[in-house]
């Protein structure tokens, strides 16, 4: 299958590209190479893909790529994705996640794309209390500029399916983690700080709950949906591996042999959702996919990867010190 992957030099997108190449798909990658994009993630498959340094917000540039490549499928990972950044600088999130998605949907309609996989997030559902799970039928109640922009992307895909018959399938994954994640998200931040014996910032009391999905499992699910998913449907992709943030932090410190007194509680994030938990019975029942990686196993693999790639990690951290000062306040 000829697949155009947006955001294919990103954390999750690059894992999808690597798996798609191994399954002998013909892959072209579009990535704007913002701070979070990195072609190093694609080194092992660079001779098997076509790469375009392009921004999905640029309709004319994207039009020329579609005209040249004529993809059968689009898998749309490209996004501004960090909640903290969306609170500080929301405009870029609206431009990329909404306007960029609109361009891709328009071009997919123009060029007769056979499948459009729209990568959303569990954060579009809002938050939960201690009990319950989000299903694909749960109303969307996003609470941050990021999740609002993703809900808009999500609903644009729905509208293009319903109005124009564009073959859109929506995917709502839970929190991804694993190798190659840019060190602005919780797990790599903790690893970086712990390795430097620096205070580790934890929002509020650290009791917020997230459901953790290993990145290779997520990419495998998206491939399964691309190949077997039903047009017009929504699929939650999750692991049932829920942990409080403070539990995640302590588990990483234990793996690294670092003391828990490195933990420093900081002022909570504005609008911080308490808990996410999604029901992924639908994808298992209909497509046979189920997450394989237990959290403890995935966390061990992730920490080891960062220990083995400290040069890459250090290059990224240089750009983050000012950002950390803005978001982690006592």
C-alpha atoms as a PDB file:
ATOM      1  CA  UNK A   1       0.000   0.000   0.000  1.00  0.00           C
ATOM      2  CA  UNK A   2       1.239   3.526  -0.802  1.00  0.00           C
ATOM      3  CA  UNK A   3       1.016   5.409   2.506  1.00  0.00           C
ATOM      4  CA  UNK A   4       1.637   9.091   3.173  1.00  0.00           C
ATOM      5  CA  UNK A   5       2.550   9.526   6.836  1.00  0.00           C
ATOM      6  CA  UNK A   6       2.399  13.004   8.329  1.00  0.00           C
ATOM      7  CA  UNK A   7       4.580  13.631  11.362  1.00  0.00           C
ATOM      8  CA  UNK A   8       6.603  10.568  10.444  1.00  0.00           C
ATOM      9  CA  UNK A   9       9.787  11.913  12.052  1.00  0.00           C
ATOM     10  CA  UNK A  10       7.994  12.308  15.375  1.00  0.00           C
ATOM     11  CA  UNK A  11       7.926   9.942  18.325  1.00  0.00           C
ATOM     12  CA  UNK A  12       4.893   7.801  17.473  1.00  0.00           C
ATOM     13  CA  UNK A  13       4.918   8.484  13.739  1.00  0.00           C
ATOM     14  CA  UNK A  14       8.471   7.226  13.298  1.00  0.00           C
ATOM     15  CA  UNK A  15       7.645   3.971  15.090  1.00  0.00           C
ATOM     16  CA  UNK A  16       4.713   3.525  12.711  1.00  0.00           C
ATOM     17  CA  UNK A  17       6.977   4.203   9.719  1.00  0.00           C
ATOM     18  CA  UNK A  18       9.539   1.648  10.881  1.00  0.00           C
ATOM     19  CA  UNK A  19       6.855  -0.999  11.318  1.00  0.00           C
ATOM     20  CA  UNK A  20       5.145  -0.149   8.020  1.00  0.00           C
ATOM     21  CA  UNK A  21       8.417  -0.495   6.117  1.00  0.00           C
ATOM     22  CA  UNK A  22       9.016  -3.894   7.716  1.00  0.00           C
ATOM     23  CA  UNK A  23       5.589  -4.927   6.419  1.00  0.00           C
ATOM     24  CA  UNK A  24       6.658  -3.876   2.896  1.00  0.00           C
ATOM     25  CA  UNK A  25       4.401  -0.852   2.573  1.00  0.00           C
ATOM     26  CA  UNK A  26       5.501   1.949   0.241  1.00  0.00           C
ATOM     27  CA  UNK A  27       5.926   4.878   2.632  1.00  0.00           C
ATOM     28  CA  UNK A  28       6.424   8.589   2.058  1.00  0.00           C
ATOM     29  CA  UNK A  29       6.899  10.809   5.106  1.00  0.00           C
ATOM     30  CA  UNK A  30       5.952  14.454   5.513  1.00  0.00           C
ATOM     31  CA  UNK A  31       7.356  16.292   8.525  1.00  0.00           C
ATOM     32  CA  UNK A  32       7.910  19.978   9.301  1.00  0.00           C
ATOM     33  CA  UNK A  33      10.856  19.033  11.566  1.00  0.00           C
ATOM     34  CA  UNK A  34       9.831  21.318  14.391  1.00  0.00           C
ATOM     35  CA  UNK A  35      11.647  20.961  17.714  1.00  0.00           C
ATOM     36  CA  UNK A  36       9.960  17.572  18.266  1.00  0.00           C
ATOM     37  CA  UNK A  37      10.766  16.081  14.837  1.00  0.00           C
ATOM     38  CA  UNK A  38      14.054  14.312  14.168  1.00  0.00           C
ATOM     39  CA  UNK A  39      15.182  12.349  11.112  1.00  0.00           C
ATOM     40  CA  UNK A  40      17.525  10.327  13.363  1.00  0.00           C
ATOM     41  CA  UNK A  41      14.426   8.329  14.270  1.00  0.00           C
ATOM     42  CA  UNK A  42      14.185   7.205  10.640  1.00  0.00           C
ATOM     43  CA  UNK A  43      17.849   6.284  10.060  1.00  0.00           C
ATOM     44  CA  UNK A  44      17.232   2.548   9.957  1.00  0.00           C
ATOM     45  CA  UNK A  45      14.629   2.901   7.203  1.00  0.00           C
ATOM     46  CA  UNK A  46      15.826   6.044   5.386  1.00  0.00           C
ATOM     47  CA  UNK A  47      16.706   4.095   2.211  1.00  0.00           C
ATOM     48  CA  UNK A  48      13.200   2.596   2.039  1.00  0.00           C
ATOM     49  CA  UNK A  49      11.108   5.763   2.332  1.00  0.00           C
ATOM     50  CA  UNK A  50      10.604   9.067   0.542  1.00  0.00           C
ATOM     51  CA  UNK A  51      10.968  12.043   2.856  1.00  0.00           C
ATOM     52  CA  UNK A  52       9.505  15.534   2.423  1.00  0.00           C
ATOM     53  CA  UNK A  53      10.470  18.385   4.729  1.00  0.00           C
ATOM     54  CA  UNK A  54       7.107  20.129   4.537  1.00  0.00           C
ATOM     55  CA  UNK A  55       4.471  21.753   6.739  1.00  0.00           C
ATOM     56  CA  UNK A  56       0.887  20.484   6.574  1.00  0.00           C
ATOM     57  CA  UNK A  57      -0.293  24.073   7.080  1.00  0.00           C
ATOM     58  CA  UNK A  58       1.066  24.910   3.593  1.00  0.00           C
ATOM     59  CA  UNK A  59      -1.716  23.831   1.248  1.00  0.00           C
ATOM     60  CA  UNK A  60       0.187  24.461  -1.992  1.00  0.00           C
ATOM     61  CA  UNK A  61       3.219  22.506  -0.858  1.00  0.00           C
ATOM     62  CA  UNK A  62       1.068  19.620   0.329  1.00  0.00           C
ATOM     63  CA  UNK A  63      -0.882  19.699  -2.939  1.00  0.00           C
ATOM     64  CA  UNK A  64       2.317  19.188  -4.907  1.00  0.00           C
ATOM     65  CA  UNK A  65       3.263  16.224  -2.711  1.00  0.00           C
ATOM     66  CA  UNK A  66      -0.155  14.584  -3.127  1.00  0.00           C
ATOM     67  CA  UNK A  67      -0.006  15.162  -6.893  1.00  0.00           C
ATOM     68  CA  UNK A  68       3.411  13.539  -7.113  1.00  0.00           C
ATOM     69  CA  UNK A  69       2.904  10.628  -4.689  1.00  0.00           C
ATOM     70  CA  UNK A  70      -0.817   9.870  -5.214  1.00  0.00           C
ATOM     71  CA  UNK A  71      -1.081   7.989  -1.908  1.00  0.00           C
ATOM     72  CA  UNK A  72      -3.676   5.278  -1.395  1.00  0.00           C
ATOM     73  CA  UNK A  73      -3.760   6.024   2.334  1.00  0.00           C
ATOM     74  CA  UNK A  74      -2.931   8.913   4.658  1.00  0.00           C
ATOM     75  CA  UNK A  75      -1.950   8.245   8.267  1.00  0.00           C
ATOM     76  CA  UNK A  76      -2.082  11.599  10.022  1.00  0.00           C
ATOM     77  CA  UNK A  77       0.179  11.798  13.082  1.00  0.00           C
ATOM     78  CA  UNK A  78       1.445  15.377  12.597  1.00  0.00           C
ATOM     79  CA  UNK A  79       0.403  17.545  15.531  1.00  0.00           C
ATOM     80  CA  UNK A  80       1.429  19.931  18.226  1.00  0.00           C
ATOM     81  CA  UNK A  81       0.923  17.593  21.153  1.00  0.00           C
ATOM     82  CA  UNK A  82       2.188  18.919  24.491  1.00  0.00           C
ATOM     83  CA  UNK A  83      -0.445  20.251  26.900  1.00  0.00           C
ATOM     84  CA  UNK A  84       1.985  22.525  28.754  1.00  0.00           C
ATOM     85  CA  UNK A  85       3.056  24.196  25.515  1.00  0.00           C
ATOM     86  CA  UNK A  86      -0.579  24.600  24.475  1.00  0.00           C
ATOM     87  CA  UNK A  87      -1.259  26.528  27.690  1.00  0.00           C
ATOM     88  CA  UNK A  88       1.676  28.861  27.035  1.00  0.00           C
ATOM     89  CA  UNK A  89       1.320  29.211  23.242  1.00  0.00           C
ATOM     90  CA  UNK A  90      -2.093  27.942  22.023  1.00  0.00           C
ATOM     91  CA  UNK A  91      -2.119  29.550  18.565  1.00  0.00           C
ATOM     92  CA  UNK A  92       0.289  27.052  16.988  1.00  0.00           C
ATOM     93  CA  UNK A  93      -1.864  24.169  18.190  1.00  0.00           C
ATOM     94  CA  UNK A  94      -4.956  25.562  16.493  1.00  0.00           C
ATOM     95  CA  UNK A  95      -3.066  26.253  13.288  1.00  0.00           C
ATOM     96  CA  UNK A  96      -1.380  22.865  12.975  1.00  0.00           C
ATOM     97  CA  UNK A  97      -4.016  20.578  14.425  1.00  0.00           C
ATOM     98  CA  UNK A  98      -7.042  22.235  12.836  1.00  0.00           C
ATOM     99  CA  UNK A  99      -5.890  24.094   9.721  1.00  0.00           C
ATOM    100  CA  UNK A 100      -3.288  21.449   8.882  1.00  0.00           C
ATOM    101  CA  UNK A 101      -5.835  18.658   9.216  1.00  0.00           C
ATOM    102  CA  UNK A 102      -8.300  20.594   7.064  1.00  0.00           C
ATOM    103  CA  UNK A 103      -5.674  20.813   4.293  1.00  0.00           C
ATOM    104  CA  UNK A 104      -5.030  17.079   4.442  1.00  0.00           C
ATOM    105  CA  UNK A 105      -8.723  16.209   4.350  1.00  0.00           C
ATOM    106  CA  UNK A 106      -9.306  18.525   1.384  1.00  0.00           C
ATOM    107  CA  UNK A 107      -6.375  17.039  -0.525  1.00  0.00           C
ATOM    108  CA  UNK A 108      -7.373  13.489   0.344  1.00  0.00           C
ATOM    109  CA  UNK A 109     -10.800  14.234  -1.117  1.00  0.00           C
ATOM    110  CA  UNK A 110      -9.242  15.830  -4.201  1.00  0.00           C
ATOM    111  CA  UNK A 111      -6.888  12.922  -4.913  1.00  0.00           C
ATOM    112  CA  UNK A 112      -9.232  10.072  -4.036  1.00  0.00           C
ATOM    113  CA  UNK A 113      -7.398   8.686  -0.992  1.00  0.00           C
ATOM    114  CA  UNK A 114      -8.829   5.273  -0.080  1.00  0.00           C
ATOM    115  CA  UNK A 115      -8.178   5.483   3.692  1.00  0.00           C
ATOM    116  CA  UNK A 116      -7.533   8.435   5.987  1.00  0.00           C
ATOM    117  CA  UNK A 117      -6.408   7.442   9.485  1.00  0.00           C
ATOM    118  CA  UNK A 118      -6.964  10.415  11.779  1.00  0.00           C
ATOM    119  CA  UNK A 119      -4.847  10.109  14.934  1.00  0.00           C
ATOM    120  CA  UNK A 120      -6.671  11.768  17.815  1.00  0.00           C
ATOM    121  CA  UNK A 121      -6.139  11.258  21.580  1.00  0.00           C
ATOM    122  CA  UNK A 122      -7.973  10.054  24.670  1.00  0.00           C
ATOM    123  CA  UNK A 123      -7.707  13.618  26.009  1.00  0.00           C
ATOM    124  CA  UNK A 124     -10.628  14.703  23.810  1.00  0.00           C
ATOM    125  CA  UNK A 125     -12.951  12.952  26.290  1.00  0.00           C
ATOM    126  CA  UNK A 126     -11.984  15.223  29.184  1.00  0.00           C
ATOM    127  CA  UNK A 127     -11.400  13.719  32.615  1.00  0.00           C
ATOM    128  CA  UNK A 128     -12.744  10.935  34.812  1.00  0.00           C
ATOM    129  CA  UNK A 129     -13.080  10.405  38.530  1.00  0.00           C
ATOM    130  CA  UNK A 130     -11.822   7.287  40.265  1.00  0.00           C
ATOM    131  CA  UNK A 131     -14.236   4.970  38.427  1.00  0.00           C
ATOM    132  CA  UNK A 132     -15.310   4.296  34.862  1.00  0.00           C
ATOM    133  CA  UNK A 133     -13.792   4.265  31.372  1.00  0.00           C
ATOM    134  CA  UNK A 134     -14.242   6.263  28.192  1.00  0.00           C
ATOM    135  CA  UNK A 135     -15.857   4.371  25.329  1.00  0.00           C
ATOM    136  CA  UNK A 136     -16.002   5.449  21.699  1.00  0.00           C
ATOM    137  CA  UNK A 137     -19.514   6.761  22.418  1.00  0.00           C
ATOM    138  CA  UNK A 138     -18.473   9.033  25.323  1.00  0.00           C
ATOM    139  CA  UNK A 139     -19.214  12.715  24.537  1.00  0.00           C
ATOM    140  CA  UNK A 140     -16.122  14.850  23.946  1.00  0.00           C
ATOM    141  CA  UNK A 141     -15.337  17.373  26.704  1.00  0.00           C
ATOM    142  CA  UNK A 142     -11.784  18.608  26.086  1.00  0.00           C
ATOM    143  CA  UNK A 143     -10.272  20.848  28.749  1.00  0.00           C
ATOM    144  CA  UNK A 144      -6.975  22.243  27.392  1.00  0.00           C
ATOM    145  CA  UNK A 145      -6.087  24.182  24.236  1.00  0.00           C
ATOM    146  CA  UNK A 146      -4.300  21.040  23.063  1.00  0.00           C
ATOM    147  CA  UNK A 147      -7.228  18.689  23.581  1.00  0.00           C
ATOM    148  CA  UNK A 148      -9.652  21.230  22.087  1.00  0.00           C
ATOM    149  CA  UNK A 149      -7.512  21.416  18.949  1.00  0.00           C
ATOM    150  CA  UNK A 150      -7.421  17.609  18.749  1.00  0.00           C
ATOM    151  CA  UNK A 151     -11.178  17.359  19.284  1.00  0.00           C
ATOM    152  CA  UNK A 152     -11.587  19.804  16.406  1.00  0.00           C
ATOM    153  CA  UNK A 153      -9.312  17.649  14.247  1.00  0.00           C
ATOM    154  CA  UNK A 154     -11.314  14.612  15.310  1.00  0.00           C
ATOM    155  CA  UNK A 155     -14.642  16.245  14.378  1.00  0.00           C
ATOM    156  CA  UNK A 156     -13.305  17.566  11.063  1.00  0.00           C
ATOM    157  CA  UNK A 157     -12.569  13.973  10.110  1.00  0.00           C
ATOM    158  CA  UNK A 158     -16.078  12.961  11.117  1.00  0.00           C
ATOM    159  CA  UNK A 159     -17.564  15.782   9.029  1.00  0.00           C
ATOM    160  CA  UNK A 160     -15.575  14.832   5.930  1.00  0.00           C
ATOM    161  CA  UNK A 161     -16.708  11.232   6.282  1.00  0.00           C
ATOM    162  CA  UNK A 162     -20.347  12.162   6.787  1.00  0.00           C
ATOM    163  CA  UNK A 163     -20.578  15.035   4.296  1.00  0.00           C
ATOM    164  CA  UNK A 164     -18.216  13.998   1.522  1.00  0.00           C
ATOM    165  CA  UNK A 165     -17.919  10.257   2.025  1.00  0.00           C
ATOM    166  CA  UNK A 166     -14.164  10.539   2.657  1.00  0.00           C
ATOM    167  CA  UNK A 167     -12.989   7.181   4.080  1.00  0.00           C
ATOM    168  CA  UNK A 168     -11.906   8.446   7.495  1.00  0.00           C
ATOM    169  CA  UNK A 169     -11.157   6.228  10.503  1.00  0.00           C
ATOM    170  CA  UNK A 170     -10.464   7.893  13.850  1.00  0.00           C
ATOM    171  CA  UNK A 171      -7.952   6.535  16.379  1.00  0.00           C
ATOM    172  CA  UNK A 172      -7.871   7.704  20.007  1.00  0.00           C
ATOM    173  CA  UNK A 173      -4.752   6.354  21.749  1.00  0.00           C
ATOM    174  CA  UNK A 174      -3.892   6.706  25.422  1.00  0.00           C
ATOM    175  CA  UNK A 175      -0.576   8.131  26.726  1.00  0.00           C
ATOM    176  CA  UNK A 176       2.322   6.749  24.699  1.00  0.00           C
ATOM    177  CA  UNK A 177       5.801   6.187  26.094  1.00  0.00           C
ATOM    178  CA  UNK A 178       8.950   4.459  24.904  1.00  0.00           C
ATOM    179  CA  UNK A 179      12.225   5.055  23.008  1.00  0.00           C
ATOM    180  CA  UNK A 180      12.797   8.274  21.062  1.00  0.00           C
ATOM    181  CA  UNK A 181      10.225  10.368  22.960  1.00  0.00           C
ATOM    182  CA  UNK A 182      11.203  14.025  23.097  1.00  0.00           C
ATOM    183  CA  UNK A 183      12.126  14.885  26.705  1.00  0.00           C
ATOM    184  CA  UNK A 184       9.267  17.279  27.459  1.00  0.00           C
ATOM    185  CA  UNK A 185       6.821  14.521  28.496  1.00  0.00           C
ATOM    186  CA  UNK A 186       6.741  12.992  31.978  1.00  0.00           C
ATOM    187  CA  UNK A 187       8.786   9.806  31.608  1.00  0.00           C
ATOM    188  CA  UNK A 188      11.794  11.226  29.725  1.00  0.00           C
ATOM    189  CA  UNK A 189      11.761  14.356  31.907  1.00  0.00           C
ATOM    190  CA  UNK A 190      12.101  12.177  35.004  1.00  0.00           C
ATOM    191  CA  UNK A 191      14.903  10.151  33.404  1.00  0.00           C
ATOM    192  CA  UNK A 192      16.818  13.292  32.392  1.00  0.00           C
ATOM    193  CA  UNK A 193      16.491  14.945  35.783  1.00  0.00           C
ATOM    194  CA  UNK A 194      17.325  11.773  37.695  1.00  0.00           C
ATOM    195  CA  UNK A 195      20.458  11.130  35.641  1.00  0.00           C
ATOM    196  CA  UNK A 196      21.615  14.651  36.508  1.00  0.00           C
ATOM    197  CA  UNK A 197      20.573  14.265  40.177  1.00  0.00           C
ATOM    198  CA  UNK A 198      18.358  17.316  39.745  1.00  0.00           C
ATOM    199  CA  UNK A 199      14.994  17.947  41.433  1.00  0.00           C
ATOM    200  CA  UNK A 200      12.212  16.124  39.597  1.00  0.00           C
ATOM    201  CA  UNK A 201       9.120  18.315  39.160  1.00  0.00           C
ATOM    202  CA  UNK A 202       5.785  16.632  39.868  1.00  0.00           C
ATOM    203  CA  UNK A 203       2.550  18.567  39.427  1.00  0.00           C
ATOM    204  CA  UNK A 204       0.303  19.029  42.471  1.00  0.00           C
ATOM    205  CA  UNK A 205       0.305  15.924  44.636  1.00  0.00           C
ATOM    206  CA  UNK A 206       1.215  13.538  41.814  1.00  0.00           C
ATOM    207  CA  UNK A 207      -2.073  11.663  42.158  1.00  0.00           C
ATOM    208  CA  UNK A 208      -3.295  12.276  38.604  1.00  0.00           C
ATOM    209  CA  UNK A 209      -3.852   9.004  36.740  1.00  0.00           C
ATOM    210  CA  UNK A 210      -2.811   8.170  33.183  1.00  0.00           C
ATOM    211  CA  UNK A 211      -3.126   5.009  31.111  1.00  0.00           C
ATOM    212  CA  UNK A 212       0.257   4.101  29.613  1.00  0.00           C
ATOM    213  CA  UNK A 213       0.602   2.553  26.144  1.00  0.00           C
ATOM    214  CA  UNK A 214       3.996   1.390  24.856  1.00  0.00           C
ATOM    215  CA  UNK A 215       4.728   3.089  21.540  1.00  0.00           C
ATOM    216  CA  UNK A 216       5.340  -0.087  19.516  1.00  0.00           C
ATOM    217  CA  UNK A 217       1.935  -1.407  20.629  1.00  0.00           C
ATOM    218  CA  UNK A 218       0.300   1.830  19.506  1.00  0.00           C
ATOM    219  CA  UNK A 219       1.930   1.707  16.068  1.00  0.00           C
ATOM    220  CA  UNK A 220       0.905  -1.921  15.671  1.00  0.00           C
ATOM    221  CA  UNK A 221      -2.690  -0.965  16.491  1.00  0.00           C
ATOM    222  CA  UNK A 222      -2.676   1.820  13.891  1.00  0.00           C
ATOM    223  CA  UNK A 223      -1.358  -0.590  11.253  1.00  0.00           C
ATOM    224  CA  UNK A 224      -4.107  -3.043  12.176  1.00  0.00           C
ATOM    225  CA  UNK A 225      -6.730  -0.303  11.849  1.00  0.00           C
ATOM    226  CA  UNK A 226      -5.258   0.824   8.526  1.00  0.00           C
ATOM    227  CA  UNK A 227      -5.512  -2.693   7.136  1.00  0.00           C
ATOM    228  CA  UNK A 228      -8.729  -3.957   8.734  1.00  0.00           C
ATOM    229  CA  UNK A 229     -10.587  -1.051  10.357  1.00  0.00           C
ATOM    230  CA  UNK A 230     -14.096  -0.120   9.270  1.00  0.00           C
ATOM    231  CA  UNK A 231     -14.505   3.170   7.438  1.00  0.00           C
ATOM    232  CA  UNK A 232     -16.238   5.871   9.520  1.00  0.00           C
ATOM    233  CA  UNK A 233     -15.528   4.167  12.849  1.00  0.00           C
ATOM    234  CA  UNK A 234     -13.691   5.361  15.963  1.00  0.00           C
ATOM    235  CA  UNK A 235     -11.287   3.056  17.785  1.00  0.00           C
ATOM    236  CA  UNK A 236      -9.869   3.595  21.278  1.00  0.00           C
ATOM    237  CA  UNK A 237      -6.337   2.220  21.582  1.00  0.00           C
ATOM    238  CA  UNK A 238      -5.249   1.612  25.161  1.00  0.00           C
ATOM    239  CA  UNK A 239      -3.542  -0.799  27.535  1.00  0.00           C
ATOM    240  CA  UNK A 240      -5.485  -0.881  30.838  1.00  0.00           C
ATOM    241  CA  UNK A 241      -2.109  -0.048  32.446  1.00  0.00           C
ATOM    242  CA  UNK A 242      -3.135   2.841  34.716  1.00  0.00           C
ATOM    243  CA  UNK A 243      -0.686   4.501  37.079  1.00  0.00           C
ATOM    244  CA  UNK A 244      -0.638   7.625  39.210  1.00  0.00           C
ATOM    245  CA  UNK A 245       2.045  10.058  38.087  1.00  0.00           C
ATOM    246  CA  UNK A 246       3.856   9.766  41.415  1.00  0.00           C
ATOM    247  CA  UNK A 247       3.982   5.962  40.999  1.00  0.00           C
ATOM    248  CA  UNK A 248       5.570   6.371  37.568  1.00  0.00           C
ATOM    249  CA  UNK A 249       8.175   8.770  38.925  1.00  0.00           C
ATOM    250  CA  UNK A 250       9.104   6.480  41.817  1.00  0.00           C
ATOM    251  CA  UNK A 251       9.315   3.445  39.516  1.00  0.00           C
ATOM    252  CA  UNK A 252      11.833   5.246  37.281  1.00  0.00           C
ATOM    253  CA  UNK A 253      13.893   6.349  40.273  1.00  0.00           C
ATOM    254  CA  UNK A 254      13.952   2.759  41.528  1.00  0.00           C
ATOM    255  CA  UNK A 255      15.148   1.444  38.141  1.00  0.00           C
ATOM    256  CA  UNK A 256      17.931   4.049  38.105  1.00  0.00           C
ATOM    257  CA  UNK A 257      18.807   3.513  41.764  1.00  0.00           C
ATOM    258  CA  UNK A 258      18.057   7.125  42.614  1.00  0.00           C
ATOM    259  CA  UNK A 259      16.522   8.394  45.891  1.00  0.00           C
ATOM    260  CA  UNK A 260      12.882   9.430  46.091  1.00  0.00           C
ATOM    261  CA  UNK A 261      13.889  12.666  47.794  1.00  0.00           C
ATOM    262  CA  UNK A 262      14.741  14.051  44.352  1.00  0.00           C
ATOM    263  CA  UNK A 263      10.984  14.495  43.882  1.00  0.00           C
ATOM    264  CA  UNK A 264       9.844  18.127  44.126  1.00  0.00           C
ATOM    265  CA  UNK A 265       6.131  18.930  44.042  1.00  0.00           C
ATOM    266  CA  UNK A 266       5.384  22.039  41.971  1.00  0.00           C
ATOM    267  CA  UNK A 267       2.363  24.216  41.285  1.00  0.00           C
ATOM    268  CA  UNK A 268      -0.304  22.208  39.469  1.00  0.00           C
ATOM    269  CA  UNK A 269      -0.934  22.749  35.777  1.00  0.00           C
ATOM    270  CA  UNK A 270      -3.982  24.948  34.972  1.00  0.00           C
ATOM    271  CA  UNK A 271      -6.991  22.783  34.106  1.00  0.00           C
ATOM    272  CA  UNK A 272      -5.080  19.585  34.876  1.00  0.00           C
ATOM    273  CA  UNK A 273      -7.301  16.574  34.075  1.00  0.00           C
ATOM    274  CA  UNK A 274      -7.437  14.114  36.955  1.00  0.00           C
ATOM    275  CA  UNK A 275      -7.729  10.756  35.223  1.00  0.00           C
ATOM    276  CA  UNK A 276      -7.923   9.196  31.752  1.00  0.00           C
ATOM    277  CA  UNK A 277      -8.988   5.611  31.164  1.00  0.00           C
ATOM    278  CA  UNK A 278     -10.302   4.194  27.904  1.00  0.00           C
ATOM    279  CA  UNK A 279     -12.160   1.017  27.046  1.00  0.00           C
ATOM    280  CA  UNK A 280     -10.500  -0.671  24.045  1.00  0.00           C
ATOM    281  CA  UNK A 281     -12.780  -3.689  23.834  1.00  0.00           C
ATOM    282  CA  UNK A 282     -14.027  -2.570  20.424  1.00  0.00           C
ATOM    283  CA  UNK A 283     -10.683  -2.886  18.645  1.00  0.00           C
ATOM    284  CA  UNK A 284     -10.065  -6.265  20.293  1.00  0.00           C
ATOM    285  CA  UNK A 285     -13.540  -7.545  19.490  1.00  0.00           C
ATOM    286  CA  UNK A 286     -13.628  -6.324  15.878  1.00  0.00           C
ATOM    287  CA  UNK A 287      -9.977  -6.372  14.785  1.00  0.00           C
ATOM    288  CA  UNK A 288      -8.267  -8.706  17.235  1.00  0.00           C
ATOM    289  CA  UNK A 289      -5.727  -6.174  18.529  1.00  0.00           C
ATOM    290  CA  UNK A 290      -4.651  -6.042  22.154  1.00  0.00           C
ATOM    291  CA  UNK A 291      -1.711  -4.280  23.811  1.00  0.00           C
ATOM    292  CA  UNK A 292       1.163  -6.688  24.518  1.00  0.00           C
ATOM    293  CA  UNK A 293       3.494  -4.707  26.761  1.00  0.00           C
ATOM    294  CA  UNK A 294       3.022  -4.562  30.513  1.00  0.00           C
ATOM    295  CA  UNK A 295       3.968  -1.225  32.020  1.00  0.00           C
ATOM    296  CA  UNK A 296       6.860  -2.523  34.137  1.00  0.00           C
ATOM    297  CA  UNK A 297       8.395  -4.248  31.089  1.00  0.00           C
ATOM    298  CA  UNK A 298       7.929  -1.221  28.858  1.00  0.00           C
ATOM    299  CA  UNK A 299       9.352   1.148  31.461  1.00  0.00           C
ATOM    300  CA  UNK A 300      12.470  -0.990  31.874  1.00  0.00           C
ATOM    301  CA  UNK A 301      12.983  -0.992  28.085  1.00  0.00           C
ATOM    302  CA  UNK A 302      12.434   2.750  27.917  1.00  0.00           C
ATOM    303  CA  UNK A 303      14.890   3.616  30.692  1.00  0.00           C
ATOM    304  CA  UNK A 304      17.513   1.314  29.147  1.00  0.00           C
ATOM    305  CA  UNK A 305      17.066   2.963  25.751  1.00  0.00           C
ATOM    306  CA  UNK A 306      17.655   6.429  27.200  1.00  0.00           C
ATOM    307  CA  UNK A 307      20.689   5.199  29.121  1.00  0.00           C
ATOM    308  CA  UNK A 308      22.073   3.853  25.833  1.00  0.00           C
ATOM    309  CA  UNK A 309      21.277   7.083  23.948  1.00  0.00           C
ATOM    310  CA  UNK A 310      22.406   9.786  26.342  1.00  0.00           C
ATOM    311  CA  UNK A 311      24.131  11.763  23.568  1.00  0.00           C
ATOM    312  CA  UNK A 312      20.791  12.151  21.743  1.00  0.00           C
ATOM    313  CA  UNK A 313      19.050  12.980  24.996  1.00  0.00           C
ATOM    314  CA  UNK A 314      21.589  15.636  25.933  1.00  0.00           C
ATOM    315  CA  UNK A 315      21.222  17.380  22.558  1.00  0.00           C
ATOM    316  CA  UNK A 316      17.492  17.708  23.153  1.00  0.00           C
ATOM    317  CA  UNK A 317      17.780  18.871  26.746  1.00  0.00           C
ATOM    318  CA  UNK A 318      19.792  21.930  25.699  1.00  0.00           C
ATOM    319  CA  UNK A 319      16.642  23.378  24.143  1.00  0.00           C
ATOM    320  CA  UNK A 320      14.444  22.684  27.147  1.00  0.00           C
ATOM    321  CA  UNK A 321      15.903  24.520  30.130  1.00  0.00           C
ATOM    322  CA  UNK A 322      14.032  27.774  29.457  1.00  0.00           C
ATOM    323  CA  UNK A 323      10.783  25.891  28.822  1.00  0.00           C
ATOM    324  CA  UNK A 324      11.092  23.964  32.081  1.00  0.00           C
ATOM    325  CA  UNK A 325      11.557  27.216  33.983  1.00  0.00           C
ATOM    326  CA  UNK A 326       8.278  28.502  32.553  1.00  0.00           C
ATOM    327  CA  UNK A 327       6.111  25.482  33.340  1.00  0.00           C
ATOM    328  CA  UNK A 328       7.518  23.964  36.543  1.00  0.00           C
ATOM    329  CA  UNK A 329       6.901  26.542  39.260  1.00  0.00           C
ATOM    330  CA  UNK A 330       7.016  25.926  42.993  1.00  0.00           C
END
